[in-house]
Amino acid sequence: MGFRGGLMHEMELLGRSRVRVKDEKVLDASEPLIDWCPLFDKIRGIKKITAESAAANMEFRIKNHGMFSPRRKLQMGVFVGFGASESMMTGIKAGIIDGAVTVCDGAGTVITANADLVQGMGGYISGLEKTDPIPEVIEGIRAMNGHVLSPQDGRIDQIEGAAYAIAAGYKKFAVTVADAASAEKLRELEKTAKVRIMIIGVHLTAINRDDAARILSLADIVTACASKHIRDQAKPLVQVGTAVPLFGLTDWGKELLVERAKDVEQPLLINTMALPVLPQEKQPRPLV
């Protein structure tokens, strides 16, 4: 476990710019893979994504939400109408799933049946790569009935998290994954343990063509992020959003997203049509 003065964290955000944070300060940010994201233009007014804007956005998250710090907020409102964490939150409240295996900065993999904790942790996170444990964050998660898989090192391991959920008695739970190999392992675990695992593919910008096909064949829901191959190959049963859409790929995934729609306060258009619907002017640029 790192000392308080030397905790290190890495997260990819805004087009996979990899940002390193130490002692609540941004150390550096790599060049992003995309120039423009409709979501961050709409929410934060970011007109061009650069390493500098990614670093600034991380500083905003640290300052306002306490990311990577003992001040981490574990409750928040809805960030986007149809996000992965928002959908899992609704799914738990509606009884479609009985818990979620997700991740949190300062803690790593977390297993919980607390819908508000799922949203509080996940609403700020994009692609968390690694994190050192922060005792105050871990205690805050435990106080909200969350189980931190590996409090000694903040390890991120969604397969071990799913195994813990099964041992703890969960029967139908969601797991967020960012790669096809993890999705394959979860499907194997699902068969041997005789449970239902809702696989939600996240952080898929720049996934290669073959891995996109693999995860689309395994997941219940995927977020399109800025992925060209996910958009090209997805055959969704339901789509929510048109700029950075979530695709429901199975009946169970469709059920969750339709349930989520009931909680969205803005007016909704519900229609039948060929999917996906991807207006060119709304897509992240470039798709990768």
C-alpha atoms as a PDB file:
ATOM      1  CA  MET A   1       0.000   0.000   0.000  1.00  0.00           C
ATOM      2  CA  GLY A   2       1.381   3.375  -1.007  1.00  0.00           C
ATOM      3  CA  PHE A   3       2.178   6.089   1.473  1.00  0.00           C
ATOM      4  CA  ARG A   4      -0.178   9.084   1.588  1.00  0.00           C
ATOM      5  CA  GLY A   5       2.476  11.227  -0.058  1.00  0.00           C
ATOM      6  CA  GLY A   6       2.946   8.905  -3.017  1.00  0.00           C
ATOM      7  CA  LEU A   7      -0.412   7.578  -4.195  1.00  0.00           C
ATOM      8  CA  MET A   8      -0.488   7.152  -7.965  1.00  0.00           C
ATOM      9  CA  HIS A   9      -3.495   6.851 -10.245  1.00  0.00           C
ATOM     10  CA  GLU A  10      -4.029   6.567 -14.011  1.00  0.00           C
ATOM     11  CA  MET A  11      -7.232   7.146 -15.935  1.00  0.00           C
ATOM     12  CA  GLU A  12      -8.021   7.515 -19.619  1.00  0.00           C
ATOM     13  CA  LEU A  13     -10.598  10.134 -20.560  1.00  0.00           C
ATOM     14  CA  LEU A  14     -11.633  12.408 -23.445  1.00  0.00           C
ATOM     15  CA  GLY A  15     -10.553  10.194 -26.314  1.00  0.00           C
ATOM     16  CA  ARG A  16      -8.206   7.945 -24.338  1.00  0.00           C
ATOM     17  CA  SER A  17      -5.860  10.649 -23.139  1.00  0.00           C
ATOM     18  CA  ARG A  18      -4.013   8.828 -20.353  1.00  0.00           C
ATOM     19  CA  VAL A  19      -3.760  11.137 -17.354  1.00  0.00           C
ATOM     20  CA  ARG A  20      -1.570  10.385 -14.362  1.00  0.00           C
ATOM     21  CA  VAL A  21      -2.443  11.840 -10.975  1.00  0.00           C
ATOM     22  CA  LYS A  22      -0.277  11.945  -7.857  1.00  0.00           C
ATOM     23  CA  ASP A  23      -1.076  13.700  -4.573  1.00  0.00           C
ATOM     24  CA  GLU A  24      -4.220  15.227  -6.128  1.00  0.00           C
ATOM     25  CA  LYS A  25      -2.177  16.866  -8.891  1.00  0.00           C
ATOM     26  CA  VAL A  26      -2.093  16.000 -12.584  1.00  0.00           C
ATOM     27  CA  LEU A  27       1.422  14.862 -13.494  1.00  0.00           C
ATOM     28  CA  ASP A  28       0.928  14.527 -17.239  1.00  0.00           C
ATOM     29  CA  ALA A  29      -1.552  13.692 -19.984  1.00  0.00           C
ATOM     30  CA  SER A  30      -0.950  11.907 -23.283  1.00  0.00           C
ATOM     31  CA  GLU A  31      -2.309  13.099 -26.622  1.00  0.00           C
ATOM     32  CA  PRO A  32      -5.927  12.000 -27.153  1.00  0.00           C
ATOM     33  CA  LEU A  33      -7.029   9.883 -30.115  1.00  0.00           C
ATOM     34  CA  ILE A  34      -9.965  12.114 -31.031  1.00  0.00           C
ATOM     35  CA  ASP A  35     -10.449  15.856 -31.557  1.00  0.00           C
ATOM     36  CA  TRP A  36     -14.079  16.350 -30.546  1.00  0.00           C
ATOM     37  CA  CYS A  37     -16.634  14.595 -28.344  1.00  0.00           C
ATOM     38  CA  PRO A  38     -20.280  15.730 -28.518  1.00  0.00           C
ATOM     39  CA  LEU A  39     -20.858  14.732 -24.885  1.00  0.00           C
ATOM     40  CA  PHE A  40     -18.079  16.894 -23.449  1.00  0.00           C
ATOM     41  CA  ASP A  41     -18.867  19.754 -25.823  1.00  0.00           C
ATOM     42  CA  LYS A  42     -22.455  19.712 -24.536  1.00  0.00           C
ATOM     43  CA  ILE A  43     -21.683  19.255 -20.834  1.00  0.00           C
ATOM     44  CA  ARG A  44     -18.366  21.094 -20.412  1.00  0.00           C
ATOM     45  CA  GLY A  45     -18.111  23.245 -23.547  1.00  0.00           C
ATOM     46  CA  ILE A  46     -14.894  21.553 -24.740  1.00  0.00           C
ATOM     47  CA  LYS A  47     -14.622  22.442 -28.446  1.00  0.00           C
ATOM     48  CA  LYS A  48     -11.306  20.693 -29.120  1.00  0.00           C
ATOM     49  CA  ILE A  49      -9.900  17.796 -27.176  1.00  0.00           C
ATOM     50  CA  THR A  50      -6.184  18.079 -26.457  1.00  0.00           C
ATOM     51  CA  ALA A  51      -3.826  16.738 -23.810  1.00  0.00           C
ATOM     52  CA  GLU A  52      -4.242  20.099 -22.066  1.00  0.00           C
ATOM     53  CA  SER A  53      -8.051  19.939 -22.068  1.00  0.00           C
ATOM     54  CA  ALA A  54      -7.924  16.350 -20.775  1.00  0.00           C
ATOM     55  CA  ALA A  55      -5.613  17.432 -17.937  1.00  0.00           C
ATOM     56  CA  ALA A  56      -7.885  20.383 -17.165  1.00  0.00           C
ATOM     57  CA  ASN A  57     -10.947  18.125 -17.104  1.00  0.00           C
ATOM     58  CA  MET A  58      -9.194  15.799 -14.670  1.00  0.00           C
ATOM     59  CA  GLU A  59      -8.307  18.768 -12.468  1.00  0.00           C
ATOM     60  CA  PHE A  60     -11.997  19.745 -12.549  1.00  0.00           C
ATOM     61  CA  ARG A  61     -12.993  16.246 -11.389  1.00  0.00           C
ATOM     62  CA  ILE A  62     -10.430  16.319  -8.589  1.00  0.00           C
ATOM     63  CA  LYS A  63     -11.494  19.777  -7.411  1.00  0.00           C
ATOM     64  CA  ASN A  64     -15.262  19.400  -7.700  1.00  0.00           C
ATOM     65  CA  HIS A  65     -15.814  15.711  -7.048  1.00  0.00           C
ATOM     66  CA  GLY A  66     -12.785  14.775  -4.977  1.00  0.00           C
ATOM     67  CA  MET A  67     -11.554  12.149  -7.427  1.00  0.00           C
ATOM     68  CA  PHE A  68      -8.313  10.467  -6.390  1.00  0.00           C
ATOM     69  CA  SER A  69      -8.544  12.095  -2.972  1.00  0.00           C
ATOM     70  CA  PRO A  70      -9.904  11.442   0.538  1.00  0.00           C
ATOM     71  CA  ARG A  71     -12.643  13.974  -0.324  1.00  0.00           C
ATOM     72  CA  ARG A  72     -14.165  11.652  -2.948  1.00  0.00           C
ATOM     73  CA  LYS A  73     -17.927  12.155  -3.257  1.00  0.00           C
ATOM     74  CA  LEU A  74     -19.758   8.850  -3.413  1.00  0.00           C
ATOM     75  CA  GLN A  75     -23.197  10.254  -4.133  1.00  0.00           C
ATOM     76  CA  MET A  76     -24.116  12.280  -7.186  1.00  0.00           C
ATOM     77  CA  GLY A  77     -27.035  13.091  -9.434  1.00  0.00           C
ATOM     78  CA  VAL A  78     -27.460  11.820 -12.963  1.00  0.00           C
ATOM     79  CA  PHE A  79     -24.532  12.807 -15.207  1.00  0.00           C
ATOM     80  CA  VAL A  80     -26.056  11.684 -18.524  1.00  0.00           C
ATOM     81  CA  GLY A  81     -29.530  10.315 -19.160  1.00  0.00           C
ATOM     82  CA  PHE A  82     -28.317   6.991 -20.506  1.00  0.00           C
ATOM     83  CA  GLY A  83     -24.910   6.109 -19.092  1.00  0.00           C
ATOM     84  CA  ALA A  84     -23.600   2.748 -17.922  1.00  0.00           C
ATOM     85  CA  SER A  85     -23.723   3.701 -14.234  1.00  0.00           C
ATOM     86  CA  GLU A  86     -27.132   5.349 -14.575  1.00  0.00           C
ATOM     87  CA  SER A  87     -28.492   2.212 -16.254  1.00  0.00           C
ATOM     88  CA  MET A  88     -27.077  -0.093 -13.573  1.00  0.00           C
ATOM     89  CA  MET A  89     -28.516   2.174 -10.878  1.00  0.00           C
ATOM     90  CA  THR A  90     -31.974   1.916 -12.407  1.00  0.00           C
ATOM     91  CA  GLY A  91     -31.551  -1.839 -12.947  1.00  0.00           C
ATOM     92  CA  ILE A  92     -30.843  -2.468  -9.270  1.00  0.00           C
ATOM     93  CA  LYS A  93     -33.730  -0.278  -8.126  1.00  0.00           C
ATOM     94  CA  ALA A  94     -36.104  -2.061 -10.527  1.00  0.00           C
ATOM     95  CA  GLY A  95     -34.893  -5.546  -9.583  1.00  0.00           C
ATOM     96  CA  ILE A  96     -33.653  -6.372 -13.085  1.00  0.00           C
ATOM     97  CA  ILE A  97     -30.202  -6.972 -11.586  1.00  0.00           C
ATOM     98  CA  ASP A  98     -29.388  -7.585  -7.939  1.00  0.00           C
ATOM     99  CA  GLY A  99     -26.004  -5.857  -7.875  1.00  0.00           C
ATOM    100  CA  ALA A 100     -23.025  -4.637  -9.858  1.00  0.00           C
ATOM    101  CA  VAL A 101     -19.302  -5.257 -10.121  1.00  0.00           C
ATOM    102  CA  THR A 102     -17.757  -1.953 -11.062  1.00  0.00           C
ATOM    103  CA  VAL A 103     -14.699   0.185 -10.236  1.00  0.00           C
ATOM    104  CA  CYS A 104     -13.858   3.269  -8.218  1.00  0.00           C
ATOM    105  CA  ASP A 105     -10.766   5.441  -7.962  1.00  0.00           C
ATOM    106  CA  GLY A 106      -9.064   4.991  -4.593  1.00  0.00           C
ATOM    107  CA  ALA A 107     -10.548   1.505  -4.256  1.00  0.00           C
ATOM    108  CA  GLY A 108     -10.341  -0.590  -7.459  1.00  0.00           C
ATOM    109  CA  THR A 109     -13.008  -3.232  -8.115  1.00  0.00           C
ATOM    110  CA  VAL A 110     -16.149  -2.826  -5.996  1.00  0.00           C
ATOM    111  CA  ILE A 111     -19.138  -5.158  -5.554  1.00  0.00           C
ATOM    112  CA  THR A 112     -22.403  -3.654  -4.312  1.00  0.00           C
ATOM    113  CA  ALA A 113     -26.182  -3.852  -4.335  1.00  0.00           C
ATOM    114  CA  ASN A 114     -26.471  -0.154  -3.447  1.00  0.00           C
ATOM    115  CA  ALA A 115     -27.845   1.586  -6.551  1.00  0.00           C
ATOM    116  CA  ASP A 116     -26.873   5.066  -5.342  1.00  0.00           C
ATOM    117  CA  LEU A 117     -23.292   3.950  -4.702  1.00  0.00           C
ATOM    118  CA  VAL A 118     -23.056   2.519  -8.231  1.00  0.00           C
ATOM    119  CA  GLN A 119     -23.972   5.921  -9.645  1.00  0.00           C
ATOM    120  CA  GLY A 120     -21.867   7.853  -7.122  1.00  0.00           C
ATOM    121  CA  MET A 121     -18.753   5.896  -8.035  1.00  0.00           C
ATOM    122  CA  GLY A 122     -19.325   5.469 -11.752  1.00  0.00           C
ATOM    123  CA  GLY A 123     -20.712   8.826 -12.822  1.00  0.00           C
ATOM    124  CA  TYR A 124     -17.242  10.446 -12.753  1.00  0.00           C
ATOM    125  CA  ILE A 125     -15.196   7.574 -14.129  1.00  0.00           C
ATOM    126  CA  SER A 126     -14.178   6.903 -17.705  1.00  0.00           C
ATOM    127  CA  GLY A 127     -11.335   4.426 -18.215  1.00  0.00           C
ATOM    128  CA  LEU A 128      -9.734   3.811 -14.835  1.00  0.00           C
ATOM    129  CA  GLU A 129      -6.470   1.996 -15.532  1.00  0.00           C
ATOM    130  CA  LYS A 130      -4.963   1.756 -12.071  1.00  0.00           C
ATOM    131  CA  THR A 131      -5.418   3.298  -8.677  1.00  0.00           C
ATOM    132  CA  ASP A 132      -3.808   3.192  -5.258  1.00  0.00           C
ATOM    133  CA  PRO A 133      -6.051   2.624  -2.232  1.00  0.00           C
ATOM    134  CA  ILE A 134      -7.272   5.657  -0.297  1.00  0.00           C
ATOM    135  CA  PRO A 135      -8.509   4.615   3.178  1.00  0.00           C
ATOM    136  CA  GLU A 136     -11.193   7.314   3.380  1.00  0.00           C
ATOM    137  CA  VAL A 137     -12.657   6.277   0.030  1.00  0.00           C
ATOM    138  CA  ILE A 138     -12.672   2.603   1.017  1.00  0.00           C
ATOM    139  CA  GLU A 139     -14.373   3.413   4.316  1.00  0.00           C
ATOM    140  CA  GLY A 140     -16.935   5.538   2.495  1.00  0.00           C
ATOM    141  CA  ILE A 141     -17.724   2.675   0.118  1.00  0.00           C
ATOM    142  CA  ARG A 142     -18.063   0.236   3.015  1.00  0.00           C
ATOM    143  CA  ALA A 143     -20.370   2.661   4.829  1.00  0.00           C
ATOM    144  CA  MET A 144     -22.651   2.499   1.773  1.00  0.00           C
ATOM    145  CA  ASN A 145     -22.636  -1.320   1.723  1.00  0.00           C
ATOM    146  CA  GLY A 146     -20.004  -1.725  -0.949  1.00  0.00           C
ATOM    147  CA  HIS A 147     -17.325  -4.430  -0.828  1.00  0.00           C
ATOM    148  CA  VAL A 148     -13.845  -3.443  -2.006  1.00  0.00           C
ATOM    149  CA  LEU A 149     -12.259  -6.489  -3.633  1.00  0.00           C
ATOM    150  CA  SER A 150      -8.649  -5.701  -2.775  1.00  0.00           C
ATOM    151  CA  PRO A 151      -8.342  -2.845  -0.246  1.00  0.00           C
ATOM    152  CA  GLN A 152      -4.640  -3.498   0.285  1.00  0.00           C
ATOM    153  CA  ASP A 153      -3.648  -2.549  -3.277  1.00  0.00           C
ATOM    154  CA  GLY A 154      -6.733  -1.133  -5.062  1.00  0.00           C
ATOM    155  CA  ARG A 155      -6.508  -3.835  -7.721  1.00  0.00           C
ATOM    156  CA  ILE A 156      -8.921  -3.774 -10.669  1.00  0.00           C
ATOM    157  CA  ASP A 157     -10.007  -7.328 -11.504  1.00  0.00           C
ATOM    158  CA  GLN A 158     -13.550  -7.694 -12.779  1.00  0.00           C
ATOM    159  CA  ILE A 159     -13.357 -11.491 -13.059  1.00  0.00           C
ATOM    160  CA  GLU A 160     -12.363 -11.859  -9.410  1.00  0.00           C
ATOM    161  CA  GLY A 161     -15.045  -9.309  -8.566  1.00  0.00           C
ATOM    162  CA  ALA A 162     -17.657 -11.444 -10.313  1.00  0.00           C
ATOM    163  CA  ALA A 163     -16.418 -14.533  -8.463  1.00  0.00           C
ATOM    164  CA  TYR A 164     -16.795 -12.658  -5.172  1.00  0.00           C
ATOM    165  CA  ALA A 165     -20.336 -11.594  -6.138  1.00  0.00           C
ATOM    166  CA  ILE A 166     -21.265 -15.228  -6.825  1.00  0.00           C
ATOM    167  CA  ALA A 167     -19.799 -16.372  -3.499  1.00  0.00           C
ATOM    168  CA  ALA A 168     -21.723 -13.590  -1.755  1.00  0.00           C
ATOM    169  CA  GLY A 169     -25.004 -14.883  -3.175  1.00  0.00           C
ATOM    170  CA  TYR A 170     -25.676 -12.588  -6.117  1.00  0.00           C
ATOM    171  CA  LYS A 171     -27.687 -14.378  -8.823  1.00  0.00           C
ATOM    172  CA  LYS A 172     -28.150 -11.781 -11.595  1.00  0.00           C
ATOM    173  CA  PHE A 173     -25.649  -8.969 -11.580  1.00  0.00           C
ATOM    174  CA  ALA A 174     -23.937  -6.553 -13.952  1.00  0.00           C
ATOM    175  CA  VAL A 175     -20.198  -6.402 -14.606  1.00  0.00           C
ATOM    176  CA  THR A 176     -18.464  -3.615 -16.518  1.00  0.00           C
ATOM    177  CA  VAL A 177     -15.605  -4.714 -18.773  1.00  0.00           C
ATOM    178  CA  ALA A 178     -13.408  -2.919 -21.278  1.00  0.00           C
ATOM    179  CA  ASP A 179     -12.087  -5.870 -23.293  1.00  0.00           C
ATOM    180  CA  ALA A 180     -13.342  -8.985 -25.078  1.00  0.00           C
ATOM    181  CA  ALA A 181     -11.164 -11.458 -23.151  1.00  0.00           C
ATOM    182  CA  SER A 182     -12.788 -10.435 -19.861  1.00  0.00           C
ATOM    183  CA  ALA A 183     -16.241 -10.838 -21.405  1.00  0.00           C
ATOM    184  CA  GLU A 184     -15.337 -14.381 -22.509  1.00  0.00           C
ATOM    185  CA  LYS A 185     -14.152 -15.299 -19.001  1.00  0.00           C
ATOM    186  CA  LEU A 186     -17.363 -13.931 -17.506  1.00  0.00           C
ATOM    187  CA  ARG A 187     -19.500 -16.062 -19.837  1.00  0.00           C
ATOM    188  CA  GLU A 188     -17.516 -19.144 -18.776  1.00  0.00           C
ATOM    189  CA  LEU A 189     -17.965 -18.207 -15.103  1.00  0.00           C
ATOM    190  CA  GLU A 190     -21.678 -17.681 -15.679  1.00  0.00           C
ATOM    191  CA  LYS A 191     -22.075 -21.227 -17.012  1.00  0.00           C
ATOM    192  CA  THR A 192     -20.109 -22.953 -14.280  1.00  0.00           C
ATOM    193  CA  ALA A 193     -21.718 -20.959 -11.446  1.00  0.00           C
ATOM    194  CA  LYS A 194     -25.258 -21.060 -12.914  1.00  0.00           C
ATOM    195  CA  VAL A 195     -25.873 -17.336 -12.466  1.00  0.00           C
ATOM    196  CA  ARG A 196     -26.806 -14.548 -14.885  1.00  0.00           C
ATOM    197  CA  ILE A 197     -24.173 -11.932 -15.617  1.00  0.00           C
ATOM    198  CA  MET A 198     -25.123  -8.793 -17.488  1.00  0.00           C
ATOM    199  CA  ILE A 199     -21.971  -7.808 -19.333  1.00  0.00           C
ATOM    200  CA  ILE A 200     -21.679  -4.086 -20.028  1.00  0.00           C
ATOM    201  CA  GLY A 201     -18.867  -3.112 -22.384  1.00  0.00           C
ATOM    202  CA  VAL A 202     -17.374   0.282 -21.536  1.00  0.00           C
ATOM    203  CA  HIS A 203     -14.413   2.438 -22.602  1.00  0.00           C
ATOM    204  CA  LEU A 204     -14.272   0.929 -26.099  1.00  0.00           C
ATOM    205  CA  THR A 205     -12.694   3.806 -28.058  1.00  0.00           C
ATOM    206  CA  ALA A 206      -9.984   2.380 -30.378  1.00  0.00           C
ATOM    207  CA  ILE A 207     -10.961  -1.273 -29.856  1.00  0.00           C
ATOM    208  CA  ASN A 208      -9.783  -3.236 -32.902  1.00  0.00           C
ATOM    209  CA  ARG A 209     -12.178  -4.821 -35.393  1.00  0.00           C
ATOM    210  CA  ASP A 210     -11.839  -8.417 -34.181  1.00  0.00           C
ATOM    211  CA  ASP A 211     -12.162  -7.534 -30.500  1.00  0.00           C
ATOM    212  CA  ALA A 212     -15.193  -5.374 -31.292  1.00  0.00           C
ATOM    213  CA  ALA A 213     -16.854  -8.375 -32.965  1.00  0.00           C
ATOM    214  CA  ARG A 214     -16.001 -10.584 -29.975  1.00  0.00           C
ATOM    215  CA  ILE A 215     -17.379  -8.223 -27.345  1.00  0.00           C
ATOM    216  CA  LEU A 216     -20.512  -7.528 -29.411  1.00  0.00           C
ATOM    217  CA  SER A 217     -21.184 -11.279 -29.534  1.00  0.00           C
ATOM    218  CA  LEU A 218     -20.881 -11.580 -25.742  1.00  0.00           C
ATOM    219  CA  ALA A 219     -22.132  -8.373 -24.120  1.00  0.00           C
ATOM    220  CA  ASP A 220     -25.682  -7.420 -23.170  1.00  0.00           C
ATOM    221  CA  ILE A 221     -24.991  -3.696 -23.481  1.00  0.00           C
ATOM    222  CA  VAL A 222     -22.094  -1.734 -24.961  1.00  0.00           C
ATOM    223  CA  THR A 223     -21.322   1.946 -25.087  1.00  0.00           C
ATOM    224  CA  ALA A 224     -20.175   3.057 -28.530  1.00  0.00           C
ATOM    225  CA  CYS A 225     -17.684   5.626 -27.143  1.00  0.00           C
ATOM    226  CA  ALA A 226     -15.748   6.887 -30.172  1.00  0.00           C
ATOM    227  CA  SER A 227     -15.382   3.421 -31.684  1.00  0.00           C
ATOM    228  CA  LYS A 228     -15.720   3.061 -35.435  1.00  0.00           C
ATOM    229  CA  HIS A 229     -15.855  -0.743 -35.259  1.00  0.00           C
ATOM    230  CA  ILE A 230     -18.549  -0.896 -32.579  1.00  0.00           C
ATOM    231  CA  ARG A 231     -20.727   1.420 -34.687  1.00  0.00           C
ATOM    232  CA  ASP A 232     -20.026  -0.534 -37.889  1.00  0.00           C
ATOM    233  CA  GLN A 233     -20.744  -3.976 -36.433  1.00  0.00           C
ATOM    234  CA  ALA A 234     -23.410  -3.474 -33.763  1.00  0.00           C
ATOM    235  CA  LYS A 235     -26.856  -4.927 -34.448  1.00  0.00           C
ATOM    236  CA  PRO A 236     -28.709  -3.573 -31.423  1.00  0.00           C
ATOM    237  CA  LEU A 237     -32.212  -4.488 -30.290  1.00  0.00           C
ATOM    238  CA  VAL A 238     -32.443  -1.022 -28.735  1.00  0.00           C
ATOM    239  CA  GLN A 239     -30.328   2.126 -28.936  1.00  0.00           C
ATOM    240  CA  VAL A 240     -30.357   5.026 -26.496  1.00  0.00           C
ATOM    241  CA  GLY A 241     -28.745   8.253 -27.587  1.00  0.00           C
ATOM    242  CA  THR A 242     -27.394   9.076 -31.044  1.00  0.00           C
ATOM    243  CA  ALA A 243     -24.062  10.819 -30.377  1.00  0.00           C
ATOM    244  CA  VAL A 244     -22.373   8.451 -27.896  1.00  0.00           C
ATOM    245  CA  PRO A 245     -25.065   5.760 -27.841  1.00  0.00           C
ATOM    246  CA  LEU A 246     -25.593   2.748 -25.626  1.00  0.00           C
ATOM    247  CA  PHE A 247     -26.641  -0.365 -27.540  1.00  0.00           C
ATOM    248  CA  GLY A 248     -28.794  -3.046 -25.954  1.00  0.00           C
ATOM    249  CA  LEU A 249     -27.729  -6.266 -27.684  1.00  0.00           C
ATOM    250  CA  THR A 250     -29.801  -8.908 -25.863  1.00  0.00           C
ATOM    251  CA  ASP A 251     -33.345  -9.067 -24.519  1.00  0.00           C
ATOM    252  CA  TRP A 252     -31.971  -8.565 -20.995  1.00  0.00           C
ATOM    253  CA  GLY A 253     -29.908  -5.578 -22.036  1.00  0.00           C
ATOM    254  CA  LYS A 254     -32.928  -4.170 -23.854  1.00  0.00           C
ATOM    255  CA  GLU A 255     -35.041  -4.625 -20.725  1.00  0.00           C
ATOM    256  CA  LEU A 256     -32.545  -2.652 -18.646  1.00  0.00           C
ATOM    257  CA  LEU A 257     -32.296   0.263 -21.085  1.00  0.00           C
ATOM    258  CA  VAL A 258     -36.064   0.462 -21.576  1.00  0.00           C
ATOM    259  CA  GLU A 259     -36.465   0.520 -17.788  1.00  0.00           C
ATOM    260  CA  ARG A 260     -33.870   3.283 -17.624  1.00  0.00           C
ATOM    261  CA  ALA A 261     -35.935   5.275 -20.130  1.00  0.00           C
ATOM    262  CA  LYS A 262     -38.740   5.485 -17.554  1.00  0.00           C
ATOM    263  CA  ASP A 263     -36.441   7.473 -15.258  1.00  0.00           C
ATOM    264  CA  VAL A 264     -35.237   9.962 -17.876  1.00  0.00           C
ATOM    265  CA  GLU A 265     -37.047  13.246 -17.328  1.00  0.00           C
ATOM    266  CA  GLN A 266     -36.672  14.695 -20.824  1.00  0.00           C
ATOM    267  CA  PRO A 267     -39.267  13.833 -23.509  1.00  0.00           C
ATOM    268  CA  LEU A 268     -38.569  10.585 -25.345  1.00  0.00           C
ATOM    269  CA  LEU A 269     -39.178   9.452 -28.918  1.00  0.00           C
ATOM    270  CA  ILE A 270     -39.970   5.744 -29.072  1.00  0.00           C
ATOM    271  CA  ASN A 271     -40.084   4.395 -32.605  1.00  0.00           C
ATOM    272  CA  THR A 272     -39.228   1.308 -34.644  1.00  0.00           C
ATOM    273  CA  MET A 273     -36.492   1.620 -37.260  1.00  0.00           C
ATOM    274  CA  ALA A 274     -33.330   0.030 -38.532  1.00  0.00           C
ATOM    275  CA  LEU A 275     -30.519   0.408 -35.997  1.00  0.00           C
ATOM    276  CA  PRO A 276     -28.041   1.871 -35.295  1.00  0.00           C
ATOM    277  CA  VAL A 277     -29.039   5.481 -36.029  1.00  0.00           C
ATOM    278  CA  LEU A 278     -25.869   7.596 -36.146  1.00  0.00           C
ATOM    279  CA  PRO A 279     -26.231  11.154 -37.495  1.00  0.00           C
ATOM    280  CA  GLN A 280     -22.799  12.012 -38.868  1.00  0.00           C
ATOM    281  CA  GLU A 281     -22.682  15.523 -37.430  1.00  0.00           C
ATOM    282  CA  LYS A 282     -23.254  14.200 -33.916  1.00  0.00           C
ATOM    283  CA  GLN A 283     -20.533  11.537 -33.820  1.00  0.00           C
ATOM    284  CA  PRO A 284     -17.182  12.016 -32.056  1.00  0.00           C
ATOM    285  CA  ARG A 285     -14.439  13.013 -34.495  1.00  0.00           C
ATOM    286  CA  PRO A 286     -12.571  11.125 -35.714  1.00  0.00           C
ATOM    287  CA  LEU A 287     -13.986   7.692 -34.958  1.00  0.00           C
ATOM    288  CA  VAL A 288     -11.149   5.296 -34.094  1.00  0.00           C
END
